[in-house]
PDB file of N, CA and C in Angstrom:
ATOM      1  N   UNK A   1     -56.521 -13.159 -15.985  1.00  0.00           N
ATOM      2  CA  UNK A   1     -55.470 -12.753 -16.900  1.00  0.00           C
ATOM      3  C   UNK A   1     -54.472 -11.823 -16.211  1.00  0.00           C
ATOM      4  N   UNK A   2     -54.983 -10.895 -15.443  1.00  0.00           N
ATOM      5  CA  UNK A   2     -54.121  -9.940 -14.758  1.00  0.00           C
ATOM      6  C   UNK A   2     -53.129 -10.624 -13.818  1.00  0.00           C
ATOM      7  N   UNK A   3     -53.577 -11.595 -12.991  1.00  0.00           N
ATOM      8  CA  UNK A   3     -52.624 -12.245 -12.106  1.00  0.00           C
ATOM      9  C   UNK A   3     -51.501 -12.950 -12.862  1.00  0.00           C
ATOM     10  N   UNK A   4     -51.829 -13.566 -13.981  1.00  0.00           N
ATOM     11  CA  UNK A   4     -50.803 -14.267 -14.749  1.00  0.00           C
ATOM     12  C   UNK A   4     -49.794 -13.273 -15.333  1.00  0.00           C
ATOM     13  N   UNK A   5     -50.265 -12.152 -15.847  1.00  0.00           N
ATOM     14  CA  UNK A   5     -49.389 -11.115 -16.384  1.00  0.00           C
ATOM     15  C   UNK A   5     -48.500 -10.558 -15.284  1.00  0.00           C
ATOM     16  N   UNK A   6     -49.098 -10.300 -14.121  1.00  0.00           N
ATOM     17  CA  UNK A   6     -48.328  -9.797 -12.989  1.00  0.00           C
ATOM     18  C   UNK A   6     -47.261 -10.804 -12.581  1.00  0.00           C
ATOM     19  N   UNK A   7     -47.640 -12.076 -12.525  1.00  0.00           N
ATOM     20  CA  UNK A   7     -46.706 -13.130 -12.147  1.00  0.00           C
ATOM     21  C   UNK A   7     -45.533 -13.195 -13.121  1.00  0.00           C
ATOM     22  N   UNK A   8     -45.830 -13.088 -14.405  1.00  0.00           N
ATOM     23  CA  UNK A   8     -44.781 -13.134 -15.422  1.00  0.00           C
ATOM     24  C   UNK A   8     -43.853 -11.927 -15.286  1.00  0.00           C
ATOM     25  N   UNK A   9     -44.442 -10.746 -15.051  1.00  0.00           N
ATOM     26  CA  UNK A   9     -43.634  -9.532 -14.887  1.00  0.00           C
ATOM     27  C   UNK A   9     -42.773  -9.630 -13.630  1.00  0.00           C
ATOM     28  N   UNK A  10     -43.352 -10.149 -12.548  1.00  0.00           N
ATOM     29  CA  UNK A  10     -42.619 -10.294 -11.298  1.00  0.00           C
ATOM     30  C   UNK A  10     -41.453 -11.258 -11.475  1.00  0.00           C
ATOM     31  N   UNK A  11     -41.712 -12.385 -12.121  1.00  0.00           N
ATOM     32  CA  UNK A  11     -40.663 -13.379 -12.358  1.00  0.00           C
ATOM     33  C   UNK A  11     -39.551 -12.797 -13.217  1.00  0.00           C
ATOM     34  N   UNK A  12     -39.920 -12.094 -14.270  1.00  0.00           N
ATOM     35  CA  UNK A  12     -38.925 -11.461 -15.134  1.00  0.00           C
ATOM     36  C   UNK A  12     -38.094 -10.459 -14.348  1.00  0.00           C
ATOM     37  N   UNK A  13     -38.753  -9.647 -13.536  1.00  0.00           N
ATOM     38  CA  UNK A  13     -38.063  -8.653 -12.718  1.00  0.00           C
ATOM     39  C   UNK A  13     -37.116  -9.321 -11.734  1.00  0.00           C
ATOM     40  N   UNK A  14     -37.562 -10.415 -11.123  1.00  0.00           N
ATOM     41  CA  UNK A  14     -36.742 -11.141 -10.170  1.00  0.00           C
ATOM     42  C   UNK A  14     -35.507 -11.724 -10.844  1.00  0.00           C
ATOM     43  N   UNK A  15     -35.679 -12.313 -12.007  1.00  0.00           N
ATOM     44  CA  UNK A  15     -34.553 -12.886 -12.746  1.00  0.00           C
ATOM     45  C   UNK A  15     -33.544 -11.799 -13.111  1.00  0.00           C
ATOM     46  N   UNK A  16     -34.025 -10.661 -13.569  1.00  0.00           N
ATOM     47  CA  UNK A  16     -33.136  -9.548 -13.913  1.00  0.00           C
ATOM     48  C   UNK A  16     -32.389  -9.075 -12.675  1.00  0.00           C
ATOM     49  N   UNK A  17     -33.086  -8.944 -11.537  1.00  0.00           N
ATOM     50  CA  UNK A  17     -32.452  -8.503 -10.295  1.00  0.00           C
ATOM     51  C   UNK A  17     -31.371  -9.470  -9.848  1.00  0.00           C
ATOM     52  N   UNK A  18     -31.670 -10.762  -9.899  1.00  0.00           N
ATOM     53  CA  UNK A  18     -30.682 -11.767  -9.520  1.00  0.00           C
ATOM     54  C   UNK A  18     -29.485 -11.699 -10.457  1.00  0.00           C
ATOM     55  N   UNK A  19     -29.732 -11.518 -11.725  1.00  0.00           N
ATOM     56  CA  UNK A  19     -28.640 -11.382 -12.690  1.00  0.00           C
ATOM     57  C   UNK A  19     -27.756 -10.195 -12.380  1.00  0.00           C
ATOM     58  N   UNK A  20     -28.373  -9.082 -11.986  1.00  0.00           N
ATOM     59  CA  UNK A  20     -27.589  -7.897 -11.634  1.00  0.00           C
ATOM     60  C   UNK A  20     -26.767  -8.133 -10.385  1.00  0.00           C
ATOM     61  N   UNK A  21     -27.340  -8.829  -9.400  1.00  0.00           N
ATOM     62  CA  UNK A  21     -26.603  -9.133  -8.175  1.00  0.00           C
ATOM     63  C   UNK A  21     -25.419 -10.034  -8.488  1.00  0.00           C
ATOM     64  N   UNK A  22     -25.638 -11.069  -9.279  1.00  0.00           N
ATOM     65  CA  UNK A  22     -24.552 -11.972  -9.656  1.00  0.00           C
ATOM     66  C   UNK A  22     -23.490 -11.220 -10.449  1.00  0.00           C
ATOM     67  N   UNK A  23     -23.914 -10.363 -11.370  1.00  0.00           N
ATOM     68  CA  UNK A  23     -22.955  -9.582 -12.155  1.00  0.00           C
ATOM     69  C   UNK A  23     -22.159  -8.653 -11.255  1.00  0.00           C
ATOM     70  N   UNK A  24     -22.818  -8.045 -10.267  1.00  0.00           N
ATOM     71  CA  UNK A  24     -22.117  -7.166  -9.334  1.00  0.00           C
ATOM     72  C   UNK A  24     -21.103  -7.943  -8.520  1.00  0.00           C
ATOM     73  N   UNK A  25     -21.477  -9.130  -8.065  1.00  0.00           N
ATOM     74  CA  UNK A  25     -20.557  -9.961  -7.298  1.00  0.00           C
ATOM     75  C   UNK A  25     -19.370 -10.379  -8.159  1.00  0.00           C
ATOM     76  N   UNK A  26     -19.643 -10.737  -9.405  1.00  0.00           N
ATOM     77  CA  UNK A  26     -18.560 -11.121 -10.315  1.00  0.00           C
ATOM     78  C   UNK A  26     -17.648  -9.938 -10.592  1.00  0.00           C
ATOM     79  N   UNK A  27     -18.237  -8.756 -10.757  1.00  0.00           N
ATOM     80  CA  UNK A  27     -17.437  -7.559 -10.993  1.00  0.00           C
ATOM     81  C   UNK A  27     -16.579  -7.246  -9.783  1.00  0.00           C
ATOM     82  N   UNK A  28     -17.149  -7.372  -8.586  1.00  0.00           N
ATOM     83  CA  UNK A  28     -16.392  -7.120  -7.361  1.00  0.00           C
ATOM     84  C   UNK A  28     -15.246  -8.110  -7.236  1.00  0.00           C
ATOM     85  N   UNK A  29     -15.508  -9.381  -7.544  1.00  0.00           N
ATOM     86  CA  UNK A  29     -14.461 -10.393  -7.484  1.00  0.00           C
ATOM     87  C   UNK A  29     -13.373 -10.075  -8.498  1.00  0.00           C
ATOM     88  N   UNK A  30     -13.769  -9.706  -9.692  1.00  0.00           N
ATOM     89  CA  UNK A  30     -12.810  -9.366 -10.731  1.00  0.00           C
ATOM     90  C   UNK A  30     -11.971  -8.156 -10.326  1.00  0.00           C
ATOM     91  N   UNK A  31     -12.608  -7.141  -9.755  1.00  0.00           N
ATOM     92  CA  UNK A  31     -11.889  -5.944  -9.307  1.00  0.00           C
ATOM     93  C   UNK A  31     -10.925  -6.295  -8.189  1.00  0.00           C
ATOM     94  N   UNK A  32     -11.357  -7.169  -7.287  1.00  0.00           N
ATOM     95  CA  UNK A  32     -10.500  -7.599  -6.185  1.00  0.00           C
ATOM     96  C   UNK A  32      -9.273  -8.337  -6.712  1.00  0.00           C
ATOM     97  N   UNK A  33      -9.490  -9.224  -7.656  1.00  0.00           N
ATOM     98  CA  UNK A  33      -8.373  -9.961  -8.259  1.00  0.00           C
ATOM     99  C   UNK A  33      -7.429  -9.016  -8.989  1.00  0.00           C
ATOM    100  N   UNK A  34      -7.977  -8.028  -9.683  1.00  0.00           N
ATOM    101  CA  UNK A  34      -7.148  -7.057 -10.396  1.00  0.00           C
ATOM    102  C   UNK A  34      -6.361  -6.204  -9.408  1.00  0.00           C
ATOM    103  N   UNK A  35      -6.984  -5.816  -8.303  1.00  0.00           N
ATOM    104  CA  UNK A  35      -6.287  -5.015  -7.289  1.00  0.00           C
ATOM    105  C   UNK A  35      -5.118  -5.793  -6.691  1.00  0.00           C
ATOM    106  N   UNK A  36      -5.312  -7.093  -6.475  1.00  0.00           N
ATOM    107  CA  UNK A  36      -4.219  -7.933  -5.966  1.00  0.00           C
ATOM    108  C   UNK A  36      -3.085  -7.981  -6.978  1.00  0.00           C
ATOM    109  N   UNK A  37      -3.422  -8.169  -8.238  1.00  0.00           N
ATOM    110  CA  UNK A  37      -2.399  -8.187  -9.296  1.00  0.00           C
ATOM    111  C   UNK A  37      -1.689  -6.841  -9.371  1.00  0.00           C
ATOM    112  N   UNK A  38      -2.447  -5.748  -9.234  1.00  0.00           N
ATOM    113  CA  UNK A  38      -1.847  -4.412  -9.265  1.00  0.00           C
ATOM    114  C   UNK A  38      -0.909  -4.208  -8.081  1.00  0.00           C
ATOM    115  N   UNK A  39      -1.288  -4.706  -6.904  1.00  0.00           N
ATOM    116  CA  UNK A  39      -0.428  -4.612  -5.723  1.00  0.00           C
ATOM    117  C   UNK A  39       0.895  -5.320  -6.000  1.00  0.00           C
ATOM    118  N   UNK A  40       0.802  -6.522  -6.544  1.00  0.00           N
ATOM    119  CA  UNK A  40       2.009  -7.301  -6.831  1.00  0.00           C
ATOM    120  C   UNK A  40       2.886  -6.615  -7.877  1.00  0.00           C
ATOM    121  N   UNK A  41       2.267  -6.003  -8.889  1.00  0.00           N
ATOM    122  CA  UNK A  41       3.047  -5.280  -9.907  1.00  0.00           C
ATOM    123  C   UNK A  41       3.707  -4.039  -9.320  1.00  0.00           C
ATOM    124  N   UNK A  42       2.999  -3.337  -8.454  1.00  0.00           N
ATOM    125  CA  UNK A  42       3.530  -2.099  -7.877  1.00  0.00           C
ATOM    126  C   UNK A  42       4.612  -2.374  -6.841  1.00  0.00           C
ATOM    127  N   UNK A  43       4.572  -3.535  -6.210  1.00  0.00           N
ATOM    128  CA  UNK A  43       5.546  -3.900  -5.177  1.00  0.00           C
ATOM    129  C   UNK A  43       6.870  -4.276  -5.839  1.00  0.00           C
ATOM    130  N   UNK A  44       7.603  -3.261  -6.258  1.00  0.00           N
ATOM    131  CA  UNK A  44       8.811  -3.444  -7.073  1.00  0.00           C
ATOM    132  C   UNK A  44       9.867  -4.321  -6.410  1.00  0.00           C
ATOM    133  N   UNK A  45      10.020  -4.212  -5.096  1.00  0.00           N
ATOM    134  CA  UNK A  45      11.044  -5.009  -4.420  1.00  0.00           C
ATOM    135  C   UNK A  45      10.485  -6.299  -3.814  1.00  0.00           C
ATOM    136  N   UNK A  46       9.229  -6.595  -4.075  1.00  0.00           N
ATOM    137  CA  UNK A  46       8.563  -7.838  -3.647  1.00  0.00           C
ATOM    138  C   UNK A  46       8.673  -8.111  -2.150  1.00  0.00           C
ATOM    139  N   UNK A  47       8.578  -7.039  -1.343  1.00  0.00           N
ATOM    140  CA  UNK A  47       8.653  -7.233   0.108  1.00  0.00           C
ATOM    141  C   UNK A  47       7.276  -7.354   0.761  1.00  0.00           C
ATOM    142  N   UNK A  48       6.217  -7.311  -0.048  1.00  0.00           N
ATOM    143  CA  UNK A  48       4.870  -7.466   0.482  1.00  0.00           C
ATOM    144  C   UNK A  48       4.263  -6.201   1.049  1.00  0.00           C
ATOM    145  N   UNK A  49       4.947  -5.079   0.855  1.00  0.00           N
ATOM    146  CA  UNK A  49       4.439  -3.788   1.321  1.00  0.00           C
ATOM    147  C   UNK A  49       4.800  -2.731   0.286  1.00  0.00           C
ATOM    148  N   UNK A  50       4.029  -1.656   0.274  1.00  0.00           N
ATOM    149  CA  UNK A  50       4.252  -0.599  -0.709  1.00  0.00           C
ATOM    150  C   UNK A  50       4.865   0.636  -0.059  1.00  0.00           C
ATOM    151  N   UNK A  51       5.992   1.067  -0.607  1.00  0.00           N
ATOM    152  CA  UNK A  51       6.570   2.350  -0.210  1.00  0.00           C
ATOM    153  C   UNK A  51       5.694   3.451  -0.799  1.00  0.00           C
ATOM    154  N   UNK A  52       6.009   4.698  -0.487  1.00  0.00           N
ATOM    155  CA  UNK A  52       5.221   5.802  -1.047  1.00  0.00           C
ATOM    156  C   UNK A  52       5.243   5.760  -2.579  1.00  0.00           C
ATOM    157  N   UNK A  53       6.409   5.545  -3.166  1.00  0.00           N
ATOM    158  CA  UNK A  53       6.522   5.500  -4.631  1.00  0.00           C
ATOM    159  C   UNK A  53       5.754   4.308  -5.204  1.00  0.00           C
ATOM    160  N   UNK A  54       5.871   3.156  -4.560  1.00  0.00           N
ATOM    161  CA  UNK A  54       5.148   1.970  -5.019  1.00  0.00           C
ATOM    162  C   UNK A  54       3.639   2.164  -4.858  1.00  0.00           C
ATOM    163  N   UNK A  55       3.239   2.825  -3.780  1.00  0.00           N
ATOM    164  CA  UNK A  55       1.821   3.101  -3.548  1.00  0.00           C
ATOM    165  C   UNK A  55       1.260   3.992  -4.651  1.00  0.00           C
ATOM    166  N   UNK A  56       2.033   4.982  -5.063  1.00  0.00           N
ATOM    167  CA  UNK A  56       1.616   5.860  -6.161  1.00  0.00           C
ATOM    168  C   UNK A  56       1.386   5.040  -7.429  1.00  0.00           C
ATOM    169  N   UNK A  57       2.298   4.121  -7.713  1.00  0.00           N
ATOM    170  CA  UNK A  57       2.138   3.243  -8.878  1.00  0.00           C
ATOM    171  C   UNK A  57       0.891   2.369  -8.724  1.00  0.00           C
ATOM    172  N   UNK A  58       0.652   1.868  -7.517  1.00  0.00           N
ATOM    173  CA  UNK A  58      -0.527   1.040  -7.230  1.00  0.00           C
ATOM    174  C   UNK A  58      -1.818   1.815  -7.490  1.00  0.00           C
ATOM    175  N   UNK A  59      -1.878   3.036  -7.004  1.00  0.00           N
ATOM    176  CA  UNK A  59      -3.065   3.871  -7.229  1.00  0.00           C
ATOM    177  C   UNK A  59      -3.263   4.108  -8.722  1.00  0.00           C
ATOM    178  N   UNK A  60      -2.177   4.415  -9.426  1.00  0.00           N
ATOM    179  CA  UNK A  60      -2.278   4.656 -10.871  1.00  0.00           C
ATOM    180  C   UNK A  60      -2.766   3.412 -11.618  1.00  0.00           C
ATOM    181  N   UNK A  61      -2.275   2.248 -11.232  1.00  0.00           N
ATOM    182  CA  UNK A  61      -2.729   0.996 -11.851  1.00  0.00           C
ATOM    183  C   UNK A  61      -4.211   0.758 -11.565  1.00  0.00           C
ATOM    184  N   UNK A  62      -4.615   0.997 -10.319  1.00  0.00           N
ATOM    185  CA  UNK A  62      -6.028   0.818  -9.968  1.00  0.00           C
ATOM    186  C   UNK A  62      -6.912   1.824 -10.690  1.00  0.00           C
ATOM    187  N   UNK A  63      -6.442   3.054 -10.818  1.00  0.00           N
ATOM    188  CA  UNK A  63      -7.222   4.075 -11.532  1.00  0.00           C
ATOM    189  C   UNK A  63      -7.401   3.671 -12.994  1.00  0.00           C
ATOM    190  N   UNK A  64      -6.342   3.153 -13.601  1.00  0.00           N
ATOM    191  CA  UNK A  64      -6.425   2.706 -14.996  1.00  0.00           C
ATOM    192  C   UNK A  64      -7.396   1.533 -15.142  1.00  0.00           C
ATOM    193  N   UNK A  65      -7.506   0.728 -14.077  1.00  0.00           N
ATOM    194  CA  UNK A  65      -8.419  -0.418 -14.080  1.00  0.00           C
ATOM    195  C   UNK A  65      -9.805  -0.053 -13.557  1.00  0.00           C
ATOM    196  N   UNK A  66      -9.992   1.227 -13.226  1.00  0.00           N
ATOM    197  CA  UNK A  66     -11.279   1.726 -12.700  1.00  0.00           C
ATOM    198  C   UNK A  66     -11.711   0.985 -11.439  1.00  0.00           C
ATOM    199  N   UNK A  67     -10.769   0.819 -10.514  1.00  0.00           N
ATOM    200  CA  UNK A  67     -11.039   0.123  -9.260  1.00  0.00           C
ATOM    201  C   UNK A  67     -11.236   1.137  -8.142  1.00  0.00           C
ATOM    202  N   UNK A  68     -12.353   1.008  -7.458  1.00  0.00           N
ATOM    203  CA  UNK A  68     -12.631   1.833  -6.289  1.00  0.00           C
ATOM    204  C   UNK A  68     -12.556   3.322  -6.563  1.00  0.00           C
ATOM    205  N   UNK A  69     -12.017   4.043  -5.604  1.00  0.00           N
ATOM    206  CA  UNK A  69     -11.911   5.497  -5.689  1.00  0.00           C
ATOM    207  C   UNK A  69     -10.508   5.947  -6.096  1.00  0.00           C
ATOM    208  N   UNK A  70      -9.720   5.029  -6.626  1.00  0.00           N
ATOM    209  CA  UNK A  70      -8.347   5.353  -7.012  1.00  0.00           C
ATOM    210  C   UNK A  70      -8.279   6.514  -7.989  1.00  0.00           C
ATOM    211  N   UNK A  71      -9.253   6.597  -8.882  1.00  0.00           N
ATOM    212  CA  UNK A  71      -9.244   7.689  -9.859  1.00  0.00           C
ATOM    213  C   UNK A  71      -9.355   9.044  -9.171  1.00  0.00           C
ATOM    214  N   UNK A  72     -10.074   9.101  -8.056  1.00  0.00           N
ATOM    215  CA  UNK A  72     -10.192  10.377  -7.330  1.00  0.00           C
ATOM    216  C   UNK A  72      -8.888  10.752  -6.652  1.00  0.00           C
ATOM    217  N   UNK A  73      -8.233   9.758  -6.057  1.00  0.00           N
ATOM    218  CA  UNK A  73      -6.926  10.007  -5.444  1.00  0.00           C
ATOM    219  C   UNK A  73      -5.978  10.535  -6.511  1.00  0.00           C
ATOM    220  N   UNK A  74      -6.000   9.900  -7.676  1.00  0.00           N
ATOM    221  CA  UNK A  74      -5.140  10.300  -8.786  1.00  0.00           C
ATOM    222  C   UNK A  74      -5.486  11.698  -9.276  1.00  0.00           C
ATOM    223  N   UNK A  75      -6.751  11.945  -9.555  1.00  0.00           N
ATOM    224  CA  UNK A  75      -7.178  13.241 -10.097  1.00  0.00           C
ATOM    225  C   UNK A  75      -6.875  14.396  -9.151  1.00  0.00           C
ATOM    226  N   UNK A  76      -7.051  14.157  -7.850  1.00  0.00           N
ATOM    227  CA  UNK A  76      -6.857  15.216  -6.861  1.00  0.00           C
ATOM    228  C   UNK A  76      -5.439  15.258  -6.294  1.00  0.00           C
ATOM    229  N   UNK A  77      -4.601  14.316  -6.727  1.00  0.00           N
ATOM    230  CA  UNK A  77      -3.220  14.284  -6.251  1.00  0.00           C
ATOM    231  C   UNK A  77      -3.112  14.005  -4.758  1.00  0.00           C
ATOM    232  N   UNK A  78      -3.978  13.148  -4.246  1.00  0.00           N
ATOM    233  CA  UNK A  78      -4.020  12.868  -2.811  1.00  0.00           C
ATOM    234  C   UNK A  78      -3.247  11.605  -2.425  1.00  0.00           C
ATOM    235  N   UNK A  79      -2.205  11.312  -3.160  1.00  0.00           N
ATOM    236  CA  UNK A  79      -1.426  10.102  -2.912  1.00  0.00           C
ATOM    237  C   UNK A  79      -0.877  10.060  -1.487  1.00  0.00           C
ATOM    238  N   UNK A  80      -0.225  11.142  -1.064  1.00  0.00           N
ATOM    239  CA  UNK A  80       0.394  11.167   0.273  1.00  0.00           C
ATOM    240  C   UNK A  80      -0.647  11.060   1.378  1.00  0.00           C
ATOM    241  N   UNK A  81      -1.748  11.752   1.217  1.00  0.00           N
ATOM    242  CA  UNK A  81      -2.812  11.709   2.222  1.00  0.00           C
ATOM    243  C   UNK A  81      -3.396  10.303   2.323  1.00  0.00           C
ATOM    244  N   UNK A  82      -3.665   9.676   1.179  1.00  0.00           N
ATOM    245  CA  UNK A  82      -4.199   8.312   1.173  1.00  0.00           C
ATOM    246  C   UNK A  82      -3.188   7.341   1.775  1.00  0.00           C
ATOM    247  N   UNK A  83      -1.919   7.515   1.431  1.00  0.00           N
ATOM    248  CA  UNK A  83      -0.860   6.658   1.965  1.00  0.00           C
ATOM    249  C   UNK A  83      -0.813   6.765   3.486  1.00  0.00           C
ATOM    250  N   UNK A  84      -0.810   7.992   3.994  1.00  0.00           N
ATOM    251  CA  UNK A  84      -0.746   8.210   5.446  1.00  0.00           C
ATOM    252  C   UNK A  84      -1.948   7.592   6.150  1.00  0.00           C
ATOM    253  N   UNK A  85      -3.098   7.694   5.545  1.00  0.00           N
ATOM    254  CA  UNK A  85      -4.311   7.133   6.149  1.00  0.00           C
ATOM    255  C   UNK A  85      -4.254   5.606   6.184  1.00  0.00           C
ATOM    256  N   UNK A  86      -3.693   4.994   5.158  1.00  0.00           N
ATOM    257  CA  UNK A  86      -3.640   3.533   5.085  1.00  0.00           C
ATOM    258  C   UNK A  86      -2.486   2.933   5.875  1.00  0.00           C
ATOM    259  N   UNK A  87      -1.422   3.690   6.079  1.00  0.00           N
ATOM    260  CA  UNK A  87      -0.250   3.205   6.818  1.00  0.00           C
ATOM    261  C   UNK A  87      -0.570   3.235   8.317  1.00  0.00           C
ATOM    262  N   UNK A  88      -1.360   2.269   8.757  1.00  0.00           N
ATOM    263  CA  UNK A  88      -1.908   2.250  10.119  1.00  0.00           C
ATOM    264  C   UNK A  88      -0.840   2.249  11.207  1.00  0.00           C
ATOM    265  N   UNK A  89       0.270   1.571  10.979  1.00  0.00           N
ATOM    266  CA  UNK A  89       1.313   1.503  12.004  1.00  0.00           C
ATOM    267  C   UNK A  89       2.425   2.531  11.789  1.00  0.00           C
ATOM    268  N   UNK A  90       2.245   3.404  10.833  1.00  0.00           N
ATOM    269  CA  UNK A  90       3.190   4.506  10.548  1.00  0.00           C
ATOM    270  C   UNK A  90       4.633   4.041  10.356  1.00  0.00           C
ATOM    271  N   UNK A  91       4.789   2.907   9.680  1.00  0.00           N
ATOM    272  CA  UNK A  91       6.143   2.406   9.437  1.00  0.00           C
ATOM    273  C   UNK A  91       6.698   2.830   8.083  1.00  0.00           C
ATOM    274  N   UNK A  92       5.954   3.653   7.364  1.00  0.00           N
ATOM    275  CA  UNK A  92       6.426   4.136   6.071  1.00  0.00           C
ATOM    276  C   UNK A  92       6.131   3.201   4.916  1.00  0.00           C
ATOM    277  N   UNK A  93       5.279   2.209   5.161  1.00  0.00           N
ATOM    278  CA  UNK A  93       4.896   1.262   4.109  1.00  0.00           C
ATOM    279  C   UNK A  93       3.445   0.848   4.329  1.00  0.00           C
ATOM    280  N   UNK A  94       2.762   0.559   3.240  1.00  0.00           N
ATOM    281  CA  UNK A  94       1.386   0.064   3.320  1.00  0.00           C
ATOM    282  C   UNK A  94       1.412  -1.411   2.940  1.00  0.00           C
ATOM    283  N   UNK A  95       1.092  -2.247   3.913  1.00  0.00           N
ATOM    284  CA  UNK A  95       1.088  -3.693   3.674  1.00  0.00           C
ATOM    285  C   UNK A  95      -0.253  -4.129   3.091  1.00  0.00           C
ATOM    286  N   UNK A  96      -0.271  -5.340   2.575  1.00  0.00           N
ATOM    287  CA  UNK A  96      -1.517  -5.905   2.065  1.00  0.00           C
ATOM    288  C   UNK A  96      -2.540  -6.001   3.195  1.00  0.00           C
ATOM    289  N   UNK A  97      -2.082  -6.334   4.402  1.00  0.00           N
ATOM    290  CA  UNK A  97      -2.989  -6.431   5.554  1.00  0.00           C
ATOM    291  C   UNK A  97      -3.593  -5.072   5.889  1.00  0.00           C
ATOM    292  N   UNK A  98      -2.799  -4.011   5.823  1.00  0.00           N
ATOM    293  CA  UNK A  98      -3.321  -2.670   6.094  1.00  0.00           C
ATOM    294  C   UNK A  98      -4.370  -2.279   5.052  1.00  0.00           C
ATOM    295  N   UNK A  99      -4.115  -2.616   3.801  1.00  0.00           N
ATOM    296  CA  UNK A  99      -5.108  -2.343   2.754  1.00  0.00           C
ATOM    297  C   UNK A  99      -6.384  -3.133   3.002  1.00  0.00           C
ATOM    298  N   UNK A 100      -6.234  -4.403   3.341  1.00  0.00           N
ATOM    299  CA  UNK A 100      -7.392  -5.261   3.601  1.00  0.00           C
ATOM    300  C   UNK A 100      -8.204  -4.725   4.772  1.00  0.00           C
ATOM    301  N   UNK A 101      -7.526  -4.350   5.848  1.00  0.00           N
ATOM    302  CA  UNK A 101      -8.226  -3.819   7.023  1.00  0.00           C
ATOM    303  C   UNK A 101      -8.968  -2.534   6.691  1.00  0.00           C
ATOM    304  N   UNK A 102      -8.370  -1.690   5.890  1.00  0.00           N
ATOM    305  CA  UNK A 102      -8.991  -0.410   5.532  1.00  0.00           C
ATOM    306  C   UNK A 102     -10.211  -0.604   4.647  1.00  0.00           C
ATOM    307  N   UNK A 103     -10.173  -1.585   3.767  1.00  0.00           N
ATOM    308  CA  UNK A 103     -11.284  -1.777   2.839  1.00  0.00           C
ATOM    309  C   UNK A 103     -12.388  -2.651   3.403  1.00  0.00           C
ATOM    310  N   UNK A 104     -12.094  -3.428   4.430  1.00  0.00           N
ATOM    311  CA  UNK A 104     -13.126  -4.300   4.999  1.00  0.00           C
ATOM    312  C   UNK A 104     -13.793  -3.685   6.216  1.00  0.00           C
ATOM    313  N   UNK A 105     -13.224  -2.625   6.741  1.00  0.00           N
ATOM    314  CA  UNK A 105     -13.769  -2.028   7.966  1.00  0.00           C
ATOM    315  C   UNK A 105     -14.729  -0.984   7.735  1.00  0.00           C
TER     316      UNK A 105
END
């Protein structure tokens, strides 16, 4: 009897764990899609890169969507510091590629 009960508990636990992993992956995908949409909304001149002002709007949109650590940047007023860190080539704009490199590295 004990082995069967253990097996049932293990199977239930495994199914719940897999469900959580799938839900986490779906949430990450959803957050990624929302971040892309937020980038496009914040990119007021549609040049594919964010100026300091556009970056501030991007962070605010992400914070409202509860994406990543944007809420901390917003709460602490670290927009300029975050912008400088992400602007890898120091051209005064944060491109989608710079954001991707920063988040994947």
